Each structure stands twice: as structure tokens, then as C-alpha cells.
């Protein structure tokens, strides 16, 4: 049996009535694993009694700690704060509203023990409304899988388990917590899906709404760019710039021929000439953007001592001579 230590990171925002039941179920499940564990609660500036209750729990159980944020930063920031505080070899993230069943944790850990780097929860049997949640969620998850290149059925759930080294290689911002498997895949992480229970929220109000959809969409576009063009931005900007500049150049060349034939360009083809000039200038700007992106990419990797590759392991003979 694996002796890895476990950290469970739980963002909390106004979940006072659910904290004690969650704590009791979590401890029962984690004790049964026979692994050393800690539970890291992150209070995202709750306005109810969550902070006081967490302080009492920490006082009574040394395996707990609570990170209290100065203001409501959102789930991605709360998770990032919890990941930084966590000390386990395996880090499990889950919500604090009892929609995630602690009893599913052993299934996630089993995938990690099989050698996977990320075990991602999959709400295979959804109980949400068909038109309001399930169909939109299925469409969104299909789109995310296609754009990111990571074949997951459920990007939305927070309930996932990670190897520590995977989390340490990921930088979170925006609404990117749902895309941690995609960010990890850039580093070559092995990802598995694990069916989990989809439980009804026990009271309270969901923090998710339609307004978040647009932020997630923009983050998805950013993520698509990072996955495909992080180390070669010129391939993205250069292709569009060459197309735009080439088309504009052809238009201007054709107009130049017309001008040599005595055609009055401004009166007969004024809009076309403006379009050609704009396309040409736009192409030059995109090529320059690509060059700047290449410089920034190299500055990023070199200033942080990061590599453009990730090594999983080195296999070598014990007798190999070092030079």
C-alpha cells in the first residue's frame, strides 16, 4: 500500500451549516485510508460564521488548517492559496458544499496509485436539470475537450486528485482551476477520469451563474493558445499575419496595375485600396507581434530557469560512470 501523505484542499464561502458534516465524513474516509493526511480549508472571505467554525475545528484537530483570504478572490485564487499551503505528496481538491462525496476519495487515490498524475472526477450520472444544466454542460465539455486536446467528459467539477509535482508546475489565474488537467498535460501529465457521485446541494445557493460562462470562454481561448503556441507564438501570429499581408499586397498590386493603365484609383476603387492598405499594415503588425511573443517566451523561460520540456524519470544503470 502506498505511504504517500495526503492533503485535501477545500475552498469555502458561506458554508457554515455544511462544514461539520463535511469534516466528519472526510475524517472517517481519510482515517480508513491509513495514510497520513491534512485538511486545508480556504475561507474565501465568508460573511457567515464559517471562519469562526473553522478556527474551532483547527483548535480541536491538529490535522486541519485554515487559510483565510482578505477578500473574496474566487475559487481559482482560493485553490491556489490552498495548494501553496498543502504539504502532501498527493493533493485532493473538492468543494465545501457537500456536492462532492468524500467517500469517492479512495477511487481517486486508486488511480494515482496506478501511476496517473491526475485523477479527474466525472459526474457520469448527472442529476441537474436537463435543459438548464445537463445539455449546456455536455456541449461545453465537448467544446473544451476539442479545443484543449484533453479527452475529459467533465471539466467543471473541482473534485480531482493530483500528484504534488503536477500542482507545483501549474500557475493559476482567471477561471483556470477547471482547466488544471489541461495545464498539467502541457507538462506531459498522465490523466485518468474517475466516475463520482453527483449529489444535490444541501441548502444554500449555488455560486455559479450564466455570467461566469463568458469568463470561462475567454480563459478557454487563452488555454488553447497556451497548449498549441506557448513555445512558438510566431507560428500563430505569423500565419495570420502572412495571410493578411499577402492578401493586402495582392490587392495593392492589382490596384497599382490599374493605376498604370490610367484608371483613377481613388474615385473608382477607394474602399478597395483602403482595405488593401489595412490588410497589409495588419499583417505587418501581426508579424511584429509574433516576433515580440518569441522574445517574451524566451525571456519567460530563461528568467525563471524553466525548461521547454518536462522529464518524468531518468532510467540508467547503477554502474554508469559520471563525467
C-alpha atoms as a PDB file:
ATOM      1  CA  UNK A   1       0.000   0.000   0.000  1.00  0.00           C
ATOM      2  CA  UNK A   2       1.243   3.478  -0.851  1.00  0.00           C
ATOM      3  CA  UNK A   3       2.536   5.511   2.094  1.00  0.00           C
ATOM      4  CA  UNK A   4       2.109   8.860   0.371  1.00  0.00           C
ATOM      5  CA  UNK A   5       0.812  11.683   2.540  1.00  0.00           C
ATOM      6  CA  UNK A   6      -2.476  13.307   1.543  1.00  0.00           C
ATOM      7  CA  UNK A   7      -3.680  16.898   1.518  1.00  0.00           C
ATOM      8  CA  UNK A   8      -7.326  17.769   0.923  1.00  0.00           C
ATOM      9  CA  UNK A   9      -7.858  21.375  -0.193  1.00  0.00           C
ATOM     10  CA  UNK A  10     -11.369  22.801   0.216  1.00  0.00           C
ATOM     11  CA  UNK A  11     -12.375  26.356  -0.763  1.00  0.00           C
ATOM     12  CA  UNK A  12     -15.150  27.653   1.493  1.00  0.00           C
ATOM     13  CA  UNK A  13     -17.507  30.584   1.003  1.00  0.00           C
ATOM     14  CA  UNK A  14     -20.506  30.868   3.359  1.00  0.00           C
ATOM     15  CA  UNK A  15     -20.756  27.137   4.032  1.00  0.00           C
ATOM     16  CA  UNK A  16     -21.127  27.279   7.834  1.00  0.00           C
ATOM     17  CA  UNK A  17     -24.006  24.788   8.049  1.00  0.00           C
ATOM     18  CA  UNK A  18     -22.168  22.197   5.936  1.00  0.00           C
ATOM     19  CA  UNK A  19     -18.682  22.336   7.438  1.00  0.00           C
ATOM     20  CA  UNK A  20     -19.239  19.978  10.391  1.00  0.00           C
ATOM     21  CA  UNK A  21     -20.948  17.214   8.342  1.00  0.00           C
ATOM     22  CA  UNK A  22     -18.229  17.554   5.722  1.00  0.00           C
ATOM     23  CA  UNK A  23     -15.489  17.374   8.339  1.00  0.00           C
ATOM     24  CA  UNK A  24     -16.972  14.276   9.992  1.00  0.00           C
ATOM     25  CA  UNK A  25     -17.338  12.393   6.696  1.00  0.00           C
ATOM     26  CA  UNK A  26     -13.897  13.454   5.477  1.00  0.00           C
ATOM     27  CA  UNK A  27     -12.101  12.318   8.614  1.00  0.00           C
ATOM     28  CA  UNK A  28     -13.900   8.971   8.559  1.00  0.00           C
ATOM     29  CA  UNK A  29     -12.858   8.356   4.932  1.00  0.00           C
ATOM     30  CA  UNK A  30      -9.277   9.575   5.350  1.00  0.00           C
ATOM     31  CA  UNK A  31      -8.728   7.593   8.556  1.00  0.00           C
ATOM     32  CA  UNK A  32      -9.778   4.462   6.663  1.00  0.00           C
ATOM     33  CA  UNK A  33      -7.008   5.007   4.082  1.00  0.00           C
ATOM     34  CA  UNK A  34      -4.345   4.529   6.790  1.00  0.00           C
ATOM     35  CA  UNK A  35      -2.338   7.339   5.206  1.00  0.00           C
ATOM     36  CA  UNK A  36      -1.085  10.464   6.965  1.00  0.00           C
ATOM     37  CA  UNK A  37      -3.314  13.358   5.932  1.00  0.00           C
ATOM     38  CA  UNK A  38      -4.137  17.014   6.406  1.00  0.00           C
ATOM     39  CA  UNK A  39      -7.212  19.042   5.506  1.00  0.00           C
ATOM     40  CA  UNK A  40      -6.672  22.599   4.270  1.00  0.00           C
ATOM     41  CA  UNK A  41      -9.747  24.815   4.323  1.00  0.00           C
ATOM     42  CA  UNK A  42      -9.548  28.120   2.445  1.00  0.00           C
ATOM     43  CA  UNK A  43     -12.097  30.672   3.630  1.00  0.00           C
ATOM     44  CA  UNK A  44     -12.732  32.958   0.676  1.00  0.00           C
ATOM     45  CA  UNK A  45     -13.909  35.854   2.875  1.00  0.00           C
ATOM     46  CA  UNK A  46     -17.159  34.282   4.108  1.00  0.00           C
ATOM     47  CA  UNK A  47     -19.751  36.617   5.603  1.00  0.00           C
ATOM     48  CA  UNK A  48     -21.341  33.953   7.838  1.00  0.00           C
ATOM     49  CA  UNK A  49     -19.766  32.068  10.745  1.00  0.00           C
ATOM     50  CA  UNK A  50     -17.521  29.852   8.594  1.00  0.00           C
ATOM     51  CA  UNK A  51     -14.282  31.466   9.781  1.00  0.00           C
ATOM     52  CA  UNK A  52     -15.122  31.077  13.468  1.00  0.00           C
ATOM     53  CA  UNK A  53     -16.192  27.473  12.997  1.00  0.00           C
ATOM     54  CA  UNK A  54     -13.005  26.675  11.086  1.00  0.00           C
ATOM     55  CA  UNK A  55     -10.946  28.235  13.880  1.00  0.00           C
ATOM     56  CA  UNK A  56     -12.693  25.954  16.400  1.00  0.00           C
ATOM     57  CA  UNK A  57     -12.106  22.883  14.228  1.00  0.00           C
ATOM     58  CA  UNK A  58      -8.415  23.698  13.828  1.00  0.00           C
ATOM     59  CA  UNK A  59      -8.173  24.115  17.595  1.00  0.00           C
ATOM     60  CA  UNK A  60      -9.601  20.630  18.154  1.00  0.00           C
ATOM     61  CA  UNK A  61      -7.794  18.744  15.352  1.00  0.00           C
ATOM     62  CA  UNK A  62      -4.127  19.382  14.531  1.00  0.00           C
ATOM     63  CA  UNK A  63      -4.552  17.746  11.119  1.00  0.00           C
ATOM     64  CA  UNK A  64      -6.546  20.763   9.971  1.00  0.00           C
ATOM     65  CA  UNK A  65      -5.501  24.225   8.944  1.00  0.00           C
ATOM     66  CA  UNK A  66      -7.463  27.179   7.621  1.00  0.00           C
ATOM     67  CA  UNK A  67      -6.268  29.827   5.185  1.00  0.00           C
ATOM     68  CA  UNK A  68      -8.393  32.978   5.421  1.00  0.00           C
ATOM     69  CA  UNK A  69      -8.282  35.334   2.429  1.00  0.00           C
ATOM     70  CA  UNK A  70      -8.539  39.106   2.853  1.00  0.00           C
ATOM     71  CA  UNK A  71     -11.407  39.427   0.381  1.00  0.00           C
ATOM     72  CA  UNK A  72     -13.466  37.249  -1.935  1.00  0.00           C
ATOM     73  CA  UNK A  73     -10.961  36.374  -4.670  1.00  0.00           C
ATOM     74  CA  UNK A  74     -12.912  33.492  -6.233  1.00  0.00           C
ATOM     75  CA  UNK A  75     -12.452  29.761  -6.464  1.00  0.00           C
ATOM     76  CA  UNK A  76      -9.326  29.720  -8.612  1.00  0.00           C
ATOM     77  CA  UNK A  77      -7.429  32.002  -6.224  1.00  0.00           C
ATOM     78  CA  UNK A  78      -8.717  30.067  -3.197  1.00  0.00           C
ATOM     79  CA  UNK A  79      -7.485  26.798  -4.673  1.00  0.00           C
ATOM     80  CA  UNK A  80      -4.110  28.346  -5.500  1.00  0.00           C
ATOM     81  CA  UNK A  81      -3.767  29.505  -1.874  1.00  0.00           C
ATOM     82  CA  UNK A  82      -4.689  26.030  -0.631  1.00  0.00           C
ATOM     83  CA  UNK A  83      -2.270  24.294  -2.989  1.00  0.00           C
ATOM     84  CA  UNK A  84       0.548  26.526  -1.764  1.00  0.00           C
ATOM     85  CA  UNK A  85      -0.261  25.672   1.846  1.00  0.00           C
ATOM     86  CA  UNK A  86      -0.670  21.919   1.263  1.00  0.00           C
ATOM     87  CA  UNK A  87       2.264  19.659   2.104  1.00  0.00           C
ATOM     88  CA  UNK A  88       1.025  16.241   0.939  1.00  0.00           C
ATOM     89  CA  UNK A  89       2.517  14.112  -1.818  1.00  0.00           C
ATOM     90  CA  UNK A  90      -0.998  13.791  -3.260  1.00  0.00           C
ATOM     91  CA  UNK A  91      -3.342  16.783  -3.209  1.00  0.00           C
ATOM     92  CA  UNK A  92      -7.113  16.389  -3.495  1.00  0.00           C
ATOM     93  CA  UNK A  93      -9.322  19.355  -4.344  1.00  0.00           C
ATOM     94  CA  UNK A  94     -13.034  19.372  -3.624  1.00  0.00           C
ATOM     95  CA  UNK A  95     -15.894  21.779  -2.906  1.00  0.00           C
ATOM     96  CA  UNK A  96     -17.176  22.528   0.576  1.00  0.00           C
ATOM     97  CA  UNK A  97     -20.906  22.384  -0.170  1.00  0.00           C
ATOM     98  CA  UNK A  98     -21.334  18.579   0.167  1.00  0.00           C
ATOM     99  CA  UNK A  99     -21.982  18.152  -3.549  1.00  0.00           C
ATOM    100  CA  UNK A 100     -18.797  16.082  -3.596  1.00  0.00           C
ATOM    101  CA  UNK A 101     -18.926  12.839  -1.640  1.00  0.00           C
ATOM    102  CA  UNK A 102     -15.779  12.258   0.467  1.00  0.00           C
ATOM    103  CA  UNK A 103     -16.487   8.549   0.022  1.00  0.00           C
ATOM    104  CA  UNK A 104     -15.270   8.876  -3.592  1.00  0.00           C
ATOM    105  CA  UNK A 105     -11.750   9.842  -2.485  1.00  0.00           C
ATOM    106  CA  UNK A 106     -10.406   6.238  -2.401  1.00  0.00           C
ATOM    107  CA  UNK A 107     -11.361   5.808  -6.077  1.00  0.00           C
ATOM    108  CA  UNK A 108      -9.365   8.920  -6.989  1.00  0.00           C
ATOM    109  CA  UNK A 109      -6.389   7.735  -4.943  1.00  0.00           C
ATOM    110  CA  UNK A 110      -6.512   4.319  -6.610  1.00  0.00           C
ATOM    111  CA  UNK A 111      -5.877   5.971  -9.999  1.00  0.00           C
ATOM    112  CA  UNK A 112      -2.940   7.917  -8.587  1.00  0.00           C
ATOM    113  CA  UNK A 113      -1.524   4.672  -7.184  1.00  0.00           C
ATOM    114  CA  UNK A 114      -1.859   3.136 -10.669  1.00  0.00           C
ATOM    115  CA  UNK A 115       0.661   5.697 -11.905  1.00  0.00           C
ATOM    116  CA  UNK A 116      -1.530   8.516 -13.174  1.00  0.00           C
ATOM    117  CA  UNK A 117      -0.594  12.103 -12.356  1.00  0.00           C
ATOM    118  CA  UNK A 118      -4.151  13.471 -12.309  1.00  0.00           C
ATOM    119  CA  UNK A 119      -7.346  11.659 -11.335  1.00  0.00           C
ATOM    120  CA  UNK A 120     -10.244  13.799 -12.529  1.00  0.00           C
ATOM    121  CA  UNK A 121     -13.767  13.326 -11.217  1.00  0.00           C
ATOM    122  CA  UNK A 122     -16.506  12.632 -13.749  1.00  0.00           C
ATOM    123  CA  UNK A 123     -20.133  13.233 -12.796  1.00  0.00           C
ATOM    124  CA  UNK A 124     -21.263  10.449 -15.091  1.00  0.00           C
ATOM    125  CA  UNK A 125     -24.844  10.343 -13.828  1.00  0.00           C
ATOM    126  CA  UNK A 126     -25.946  13.992 -13.620  1.00  0.00           C
ATOM    127  CA  UNK A 127     -28.988  14.908 -11.528  1.00  0.00           C
ATOM    128  CA  UNK A 128     -29.155  18.552 -12.658  1.00  0.00           C
ATOM    129  CA  UNK A 129     -31.920  19.955 -14.825  1.00  0.00           C
ATOM    130  CA  UNK A 130     -31.814  18.563 -18.361  1.00  0.00           C
ATOM    131  CA  UNK A 131     -32.234  21.861 -20.246  1.00  0.00           C
ATOM    132  CA  UNK A 132     -30.638  24.247 -17.753  1.00  0.00           C
ATOM    133  CA  UNK A 133     -27.523  22.286 -16.783  1.00  0.00           C
ATOM    134  CA  UNK A 134     -27.000  18.865 -18.379  1.00  0.00           C
ATOM    135  CA  UNK A 135     -27.310  19.736 -22.083  1.00  0.00           C
ATOM    136  CA  UNK A 136     -25.323  23.024 -21.807  1.00  0.00           C
ATOM    137  CA  UNK A 137     -22.708  21.198 -19.711  1.00  0.00           C
ATOM    138  CA  UNK A 138     -22.369  18.403 -22.257  1.00  0.00           C
ATOM    139  CA  UNK A 139     -21.921  20.907 -25.094  1.00  0.00           C
ATOM    140  CA  UNK A 140     -19.407  22.953 -23.090  1.00  0.00           C
ATOM    141  CA  UNK A 141     -17.387  19.900 -22.083  1.00  0.00           C
ATOM    142  CA  UNK A 142     -17.308  18.649 -25.679  1.00  0.00           C
ATOM    143  CA  UNK A 143     -16.067  22.045 -26.846  1.00  0.00           C
ATOM    144  CA  UNK A 144     -13.434  22.199 -24.100  1.00  0.00           C
ATOM    145  CA  UNK A 145     -12.177  18.708 -24.953  1.00  0.00           C
ATOM    146  CA  UNK A 146     -11.888  19.566 -28.652  1.00  0.00           C
ATOM    147  CA  UNK A 147     -10.134  22.894 -28.125  1.00  0.00           C
ATOM    148  CA  UNK A 148      -7.795  21.706 -25.381  1.00  0.00           C
ATOM    149  CA  UNK A 149      -6.954  18.294 -26.823  1.00  0.00           C
ATOM    150  CA  UNK A 150      -7.588  16.626 -23.437  1.00  0.00           C
ATOM    151  CA  UNK A 151     -10.334  13.988 -23.661  1.00  0.00           C
ATOM    152  CA  UNK A 152     -12.299  14.609 -20.463  1.00  0.00           C
ATOM    153  CA  UNK A 153     -16.064  14.344 -20.091  1.00  0.00           C
ATOM    154  CA  UNK A 154     -16.287  16.723 -17.115  1.00  0.00           C
ATOM    155  CA  UNK A 155     -14.080  19.790 -16.833  1.00  0.00           C
ATOM    156  CA  UNK A 156     -16.421  21.610 -14.454  1.00  0.00           C
ATOM    157  CA  UNK A 157     -16.012  19.622 -11.252  1.00  0.00           C
ATOM    158  CA  UNK A 158     -13.336  20.662  -8.757  1.00  0.00           C
ATOM    159  CA  UNK A 159     -13.123  17.118  -7.361  1.00  0.00           C
ATOM    160  CA  UNK A 160      -9.724  15.891  -8.538  1.00  0.00           C
ATOM    161  CA  UNK A 161      -6.527  14.347  -7.171  1.00  0.00           C
ATOM    162  CA  UNK A 162      -3.061  15.464  -8.233  1.00  0.00           C
ATOM    163  CA  UNK A 163       0.497  14.463  -7.626  1.00  0.00           C
ATOM    164  CA  UNK A 164       2.267  17.279  -5.837  1.00  0.00           C
ATOM    165  CA  UNK A 165       4.816  17.831  -8.606  1.00  0.00           C
ATOM    166  CA  UNK A 166       1.967  18.403 -11.079  1.00  0.00           C
ATOM    167  CA  UNK A 167       0.380  21.142  -8.979  1.00  0.00           C
ATOM    168  CA  UNK A 168       3.757  22.802  -8.441  1.00  0.00           C
ATOM    169  CA  UNK A 169       4.198  23.137 -12.212  1.00  0.00           C
ATOM    170  CA  UNK A 170       0.814  24.848 -12.732  1.00  0.00           C
ATOM    171  CA  UNK A 171       0.165  28.587 -12.380  1.00  0.00           C
ATOM    172  CA  UNK A 172      -3.483  29.509 -11.826  1.00  0.00           C
ATOM    173  CA  UNK A 173      -5.296  32.728 -12.733  1.00  0.00           C
ATOM    174  CA  UNK A 174      -8.669  33.781 -14.147  1.00  0.00           C
ATOM    175  CA  UNK A 175     -11.072  30.824 -14.008  1.00  0.00           C
ATOM    176  CA  UNK A 176      -8.400  28.279 -14.897  1.00  0.00           C
ATOM    177  CA  UNK A 177      -8.944  25.926 -11.950  1.00  0.00           C
ATOM    178  CA  UNK A 178     -11.295  23.832 -14.103  1.00  0.00           C
ATOM    179  CA  UNK A 179      -8.503  23.503 -16.687  1.00  0.00           C
ATOM    180  CA  UNK A 180      -5.751  22.255 -14.359  1.00  0.00           C
ATOM    181  CA  UNK A 181      -5.661  18.869 -16.195  1.00  0.00           C
ATOM    182  CA  UNK A 182      -5.090  20.738 -19.468  1.00  0.00           C
ATOM    183  CA  UNK A 183      -2.309  22.850 -17.951  1.00  0.00           C
ATOM    184  CA  UNK A 184      -0.805  19.677 -16.493  1.00  0.00           C
ATOM    185  CA  UNK A 185      -1.000  17.959 -19.878  1.00  0.00           C
ATOM    186  CA  UNK A 186       1.342  20.636 -21.260  1.00  0.00           C
ATOM    187  CA  UNK A 187       3.946  19.216 -18.855  1.00  0.00           C
ATOM    188  CA  UNK A 188       3.210  15.664 -20.034  1.00  0.00           C
ATOM    189  CA  UNK A 189       0.988  14.583 -17.124  1.00  0.00           C
ATOM    190  CA  UNK A 190      -0.963  11.318 -17.406  1.00  0.00           C
ATOM    191  CA  UNK A 191      -4.658  11.881 -16.755  1.00  0.00           C
ATOM    192  CA  UNK A 192      -7.462   9.476 -15.875  1.00  0.00           C
ATOM    193  CA  UNK A 193     -11.162  10.034 -15.276  1.00  0.00           C
ATOM    194  CA  UNK A 194     -12.961   8.533 -12.292  1.00  0.00           C
ATOM    195  CA  UNK A 195     -16.782   8.367 -12.072  1.00  0.00           C
ATOM    196  CA  UNK A 196     -18.007  10.188  -8.957  1.00  0.00           C
ATOM    197  CA  UNK A 197     -21.383  10.800  -7.381  1.00  0.00           C
ATOM    198  CA  UNK A 198     -23.349  13.889  -8.377  1.00  0.00           C
ATOM    199  CA  UNK A 199     -25.144  14.965  -5.209  1.00  0.00           C
ATOM    200  CA  UNK A 200     -27.805  17.631  -4.763  1.00  0.00           C
ATOM    201  CA  UNK A 201     -26.687  20.738  -2.915  1.00  0.00           C
ATOM    202  CA  UNK A 202     -27.852  20.580   0.696  1.00  0.00           C
ATOM    203  CA  UNK A 203     -29.315  24.055   1.084  1.00  0.00           C
ATOM    204  CA  UNK A 204     -27.740  27.398   0.305  1.00  0.00           C
ATOM    205  CA  UNK A 205     -27.306  28.994  -3.090  1.00  0.00           C
ATOM    206  CA  UNK A 206     -25.002  27.957  -5.894  1.00  0.00           C
ATOM    207  CA  UNK A 207     -22.136  30.370  -6.625  1.00  0.00           C
ATOM    208  CA  UNK A 208     -22.241  29.533 -10.334  1.00  0.00           C
ATOM    209  CA  UNK A 209     -24.209  31.566 -12.841  1.00  0.00           C
ATOM    210  CA  UNK A 210     -24.524  32.403 -16.503  1.00  0.00           C
ATOM    211  CA  UNK A 211     -22.192  35.393 -16.156  1.00  0.00           C
ATOM    212  CA  UNK A 212     -19.280  33.072 -15.436  1.00  0.00           C
ATOM    213  CA  UNK A 213     -19.727  31.396 -18.838  1.00  0.00           C
ATOM    214  CA  UNK A 214     -18.132  34.294 -20.700  1.00  0.00           C
ATOM    215  CA  UNK A 215     -15.096  34.381 -18.399  1.00  0.00           C
ATOM    216  CA  UNK A 216     -14.635  30.653 -18.853  1.00  0.00           C
ATOM    217  CA  UNK A 217     -14.923  31.040 -22.637  1.00  0.00           C
ATOM    218  CA  UNK A 218     -12.175  33.668 -22.713  1.00  0.00           C
ATOM    219  CA  UNK A 219      -9.971  31.509 -20.476  1.00  0.00           C
ATOM    220  CA  UNK A 220     -10.564  28.621 -22.871  1.00  0.00           C
ATOM    221  CA  UNK A 221      -9.288  30.724 -25.774  1.00  0.00           C
ATOM    222  CA  UNK A 222      -6.199  31.607 -23.725  1.00  0.00           C
ATOM    223  CA  UNK A 223      -5.711  27.970 -22.844  1.00  0.00           C
ATOM    224  CA  UNK A 224      -5.982  26.898 -26.473  1.00  0.00           C
ATOM    225  CA  UNK A 225      -3.227  29.341 -27.346  1.00  0.00           C
ATOM    226  CA  UNK A 226      -1.042  28.132 -24.452  1.00  0.00           C
ATOM    227  CA  UNK A 227      -1.452  24.480 -25.403  1.00  0.00           C
ATOM    228  CA  UNK A 228      -0.663  24.982 -29.084  1.00  0.00           C
ATOM    229  CA  UNK A 229       1.610  28.018 -29.285  1.00  0.00           C
ATOM    230  CA  UNK A 230       3.225  28.756 -25.891  1.00  0.00           C
ATOM    231  CA  UNK A 231       6.739  27.988 -27.134  1.00  0.00           C
ATOM    232  CA  UNK A 232       6.165  29.100 -30.739  1.00  0.00           C
ATOM    233  CA  UNK A 233       3.905  32.191 -30.822  1.00  0.00           C
ATOM    234  CA  UNK A 234       5.266  33.174 -34.248  1.00  0.00           C
ATOM    235  CA  UNK A 235       3.525  30.127 -35.735  1.00  0.00           C
ATOM    236  CA  UNK A 236       0.188  31.622 -34.680  1.00  0.00           C
ATOM    237  CA  UNK A 237       0.676  35.325 -35.331  1.00  0.00           C
ATOM    238  CA  UNK A 238       2.946  34.718 -38.320  1.00  0.00           C
ATOM    239  CA  UNK A 239       0.400  32.562 -40.153  1.00  0.00           C
ATOM    240  CA  UNK A 240      -2.399  35.104 -39.730  1.00  0.00           C
ATOM    241  CA  UNK A 241      -0.050  37.996 -40.465  1.00  0.00           C
ATOM    242  CA  UNK A 242       1.259  36.374 -43.643  1.00  0.00           C
ATOM    243  CA  UNK A 243      -2.306  35.688 -44.837  1.00  0.00           C
ATOM    244  CA  UNK A 244      -3.437  39.242 -44.092  1.00  0.00           C
ATOM    245  CA  UNK A 245      -0.326  40.880 -45.505  1.00  0.00           C
ATOM    246  CA  UNK A 246      -0.316  38.664 -48.592  1.00  0.00           C
ATOM    247  CA  UNK A 247      -3.960  39.407 -49.360  1.00  0.00           C
ATOM    248  CA  UNK A 248      -3.415  43.130 -48.829  1.00  0.00           C
ATOM    249  CA  UNK A 249      -0.316  43.043 -51.028  1.00  0.00           C
ATOM    250  CA  UNK A 250      -2.206  41.359 -53.842  1.00  0.00           C
ATOM    251  CA  UNK A 251      -4.973  43.964 -53.643  1.00  0.00           C
ATOM    252  CA  UNK A 252      -2.488  46.846 -53.735  1.00  0.00           C
ATOM    253  CA  UNK A 253      -0.524  45.227 -56.566  1.00  0.00           C
ATOM    254  CA  UNK A 254      -3.700  44.834 -58.618  1.00  0.00           C
ATOM    255  CA  UNK A 255      -4.614  48.460 -57.973  1.00  0.00           C
ATOM    256  CA  UNK A 256      -1.116  49.550 -58.985  1.00  0.00           C
ATOM    257  CA  UNK A 257      -1.577  47.812 -62.319  1.00  0.00           C
ATOM    258  CA  UNK A 258      -4.907  49.566 -62.739  1.00  0.00           C
ATOM    259  CA  UNK A 259      -3.249  52.882 -61.934  1.00  0.00           C
ATOM    260  CA  UNK A 260      -0.600  52.313 -64.628  1.00  0.00           C
ATOM    261  CA  UNK A 261      -3.414  51.745 -67.111  1.00  0.00           C
ATOM    262  CA  UNK A 262      -4.779  55.169 -66.338  1.00  0.00           C
ATOM    263  CA  UNK A 263      -7.622  54.201 -64.010  1.00  0.00           C
ATOM    264  CA  UNK A 264      -8.443  56.775 -61.320  1.00  0.00           C
ATOM    265  CA  UNK A 265      -7.999  54.569 -58.250  1.00  0.00           C
ATOM    266  CA  UNK A 266      -9.351  56.908 -55.576  1.00  0.00           C
ATOM    267  CA  UNK A 267     -12.650  57.528 -57.314  1.00  0.00           C
ATOM    268  CA  UNK A 268     -13.294  54.020 -58.666  1.00  0.00           C
ATOM    269  CA  UNK A 269     -11.600  51.743 -56.118  1.00  0.00           C
ATOM    270  CA  UNK A 270     -11.176  53.875 -52.992  1.00  0.00           C
ATOM    271  CA  UNK A 271     -12.690  51.400 -50.492  1.00  0.00           C
ATOM    272  CA  UNK A 272     -10.724  48.513 -52.017  1.00  0.00           C
ATOM    273  CA  UNK A 273      -7.465  50.477 -51.721  1.00  0.00           C
ATOM    274  CA  UNK A 274      -8.189  51.240 -48.063  1.00  0.00           C
ATOM    275  CA  UNK A 275      -8.942  47.544 -47.434  1.00  0.00           C
ATOM    276  CA  UNK A 276      -5.660  46.542 -49.085  1.00  0.00           C
ATOM    277  CA  UNK A 277      -3.692  49.052 -47.006  1.00  0.00           C
ATOM    278  CA  UNK A 278      -5.362  47.939 -43.769  1.00  0.00           C
ATOM    279  CA  UNK A 279      -4.716  44.257 -44.515  1.00  0.00           C
ATOM    280  CA  UNK A 280      -1.081  44.957 -45.350  1.00  0.00           C
ATOM    281  CA  UNK A 281      -0.490  47.036 -42.217  1.00  0.00           C
ATOM    282  CA  UNK A 282      -2.380  44.475 -40.126  1.00  0.00           C
ATOM    283  CA  UNK A 283      -0.167  41.699 -41.478  1.00  0.00           C
ATOM    284  CA  UNK A 284       2.984  43.654 -40.593  1.00  0.00           C
ATOM    285  CA  UNK A 285       1.659  44.305 -37.076  1.00  0.00           C
ATOM    286  CA  UNK A 286       0.821  40.628 -36.540  1.00  0.00           C
ATOM    287  CA  UNK A 287       4.296  39.583 -37.698  1.00  0.00           C
ATOM    288  CA  UNK A 288       5.803  42.084 -35.263  1.00  0.00           C
ATOM    289  CA  UNK A 289       3.533  40.736 -32.508  1.00  0.00           C
ATOM    290  CA  UNK A 290       4.791  37.247 -33.270  1.00  0.00           C
ATOM    291  CA  UNK A 291       8.402  38.406 -33.007  1.00  0.00           C
ATOM    292  CA  UNK A 292       7.679  40.121 -29.683  1.00  0.00           C
ATOM    293  CA  UNK A 293       5.964  36.934 -28.491  1.00  0.00           C
ATOM    294  CA  UNK A 294       9.075  34.921 -29.344  1.00  0.00           C
ATOM    295  CA  UNK A 295      11.251  37.348 -27.368  1.00  0.00           C
ATOM    296  CA  UNK A 296       8.863  37.300 -24.368  1.00  0.00           C
ATOM    297  CA  UNK A 297       8.646  33.495 -24.448  1.00  0.00           C
ATOM    298  CA  UNK A 298      12.434  33.179 -24.326  1.00  0.00           C
ATOM    299  CA  UNK A 299      12.636  35.787 -21.548  1.00  0.00           C
ATOM    300  CA  UNK A 300       9.996  33.873 -19.581  1.00  0.00           C
ATOM    301  CA  UNK A 301      11.761  30.528 -19.756  1.00  0.00           C
ATOM    302  CA  UNK A 302      15.267  31.875 -19.245  1.00  0.00           C
ATOM    303  CA  UNK A 303      14.443  34.284 -16.392  1.00  0.00           C
ATOM    304  CA  UNK A 304      12.695  31.560 -14.392  1.00  0.00           C
ATOM    305  CA  UNK A 305      15.151  28.843 -15.266  1.00  0.00           C
ATOM    306  CA  UNK A 306      12.308  26.842 -16.774  1.00  0.00           C
ATOM    307  CA  UNK A 307      12.765  24.278 -19.479  1.00  0.00           C
ATOM    308  CA  UNK A 308      10.611  23.816 -22.557  1.00  0.00           C
ATOM    309  CA  UNK A 309      10.370  20.107 -21.735  1.00  0.00           C
ATOM    310  CA  UNK A 310       9.471  18.020 -18.664  1.00  0.00           C
ATOM    311  CA  UNK A 311      11.334  14.840 -17.687  1.00  0.00           C
ATOM    312  CA  UNK A 312       9.238  12.142 -15.981  1.00  0.00           C
ATOM    313  CA  UNK A 313      12.176   9.966 -14.926  1.00  0.00           C
ATOM    314  CA  UNK A 314      15.722   9.023 -15.827  1.00  0.00           C
ATOM    315  CA  UNK A 315      16.480   5.316 -16.185  1.00  0.00           C
ATOM    316  CA  UNK A 316      20.127   4.403 -16.093  1.00  0.00           C
ATOM    317  CA  UNK A 317      22.492   1.703 -14.963  1.00  0.00           C
ATOM    318  CA  UNK A 318      23.914   1.854 -11.457  1.00  0.00           C
ATOM    319  CA  UNK A 319      27.333   1.273 -12.964  1.00  0.00           C
ATOM    320  CA  UNK A 320      27.120   4.211 -15.350  1.00  0.00           C
ATOM    321  CA  UNK A 321      30.171   6.441 -14.995  1.00  0.00           C
ATOM    322  CA  UNK A 322      29.604  10.143 -14.467  1.00  0.00           C
ATOM    323  CA  UNK A 323      31.655  12.696 -16.397  1.00  0.00           C
END
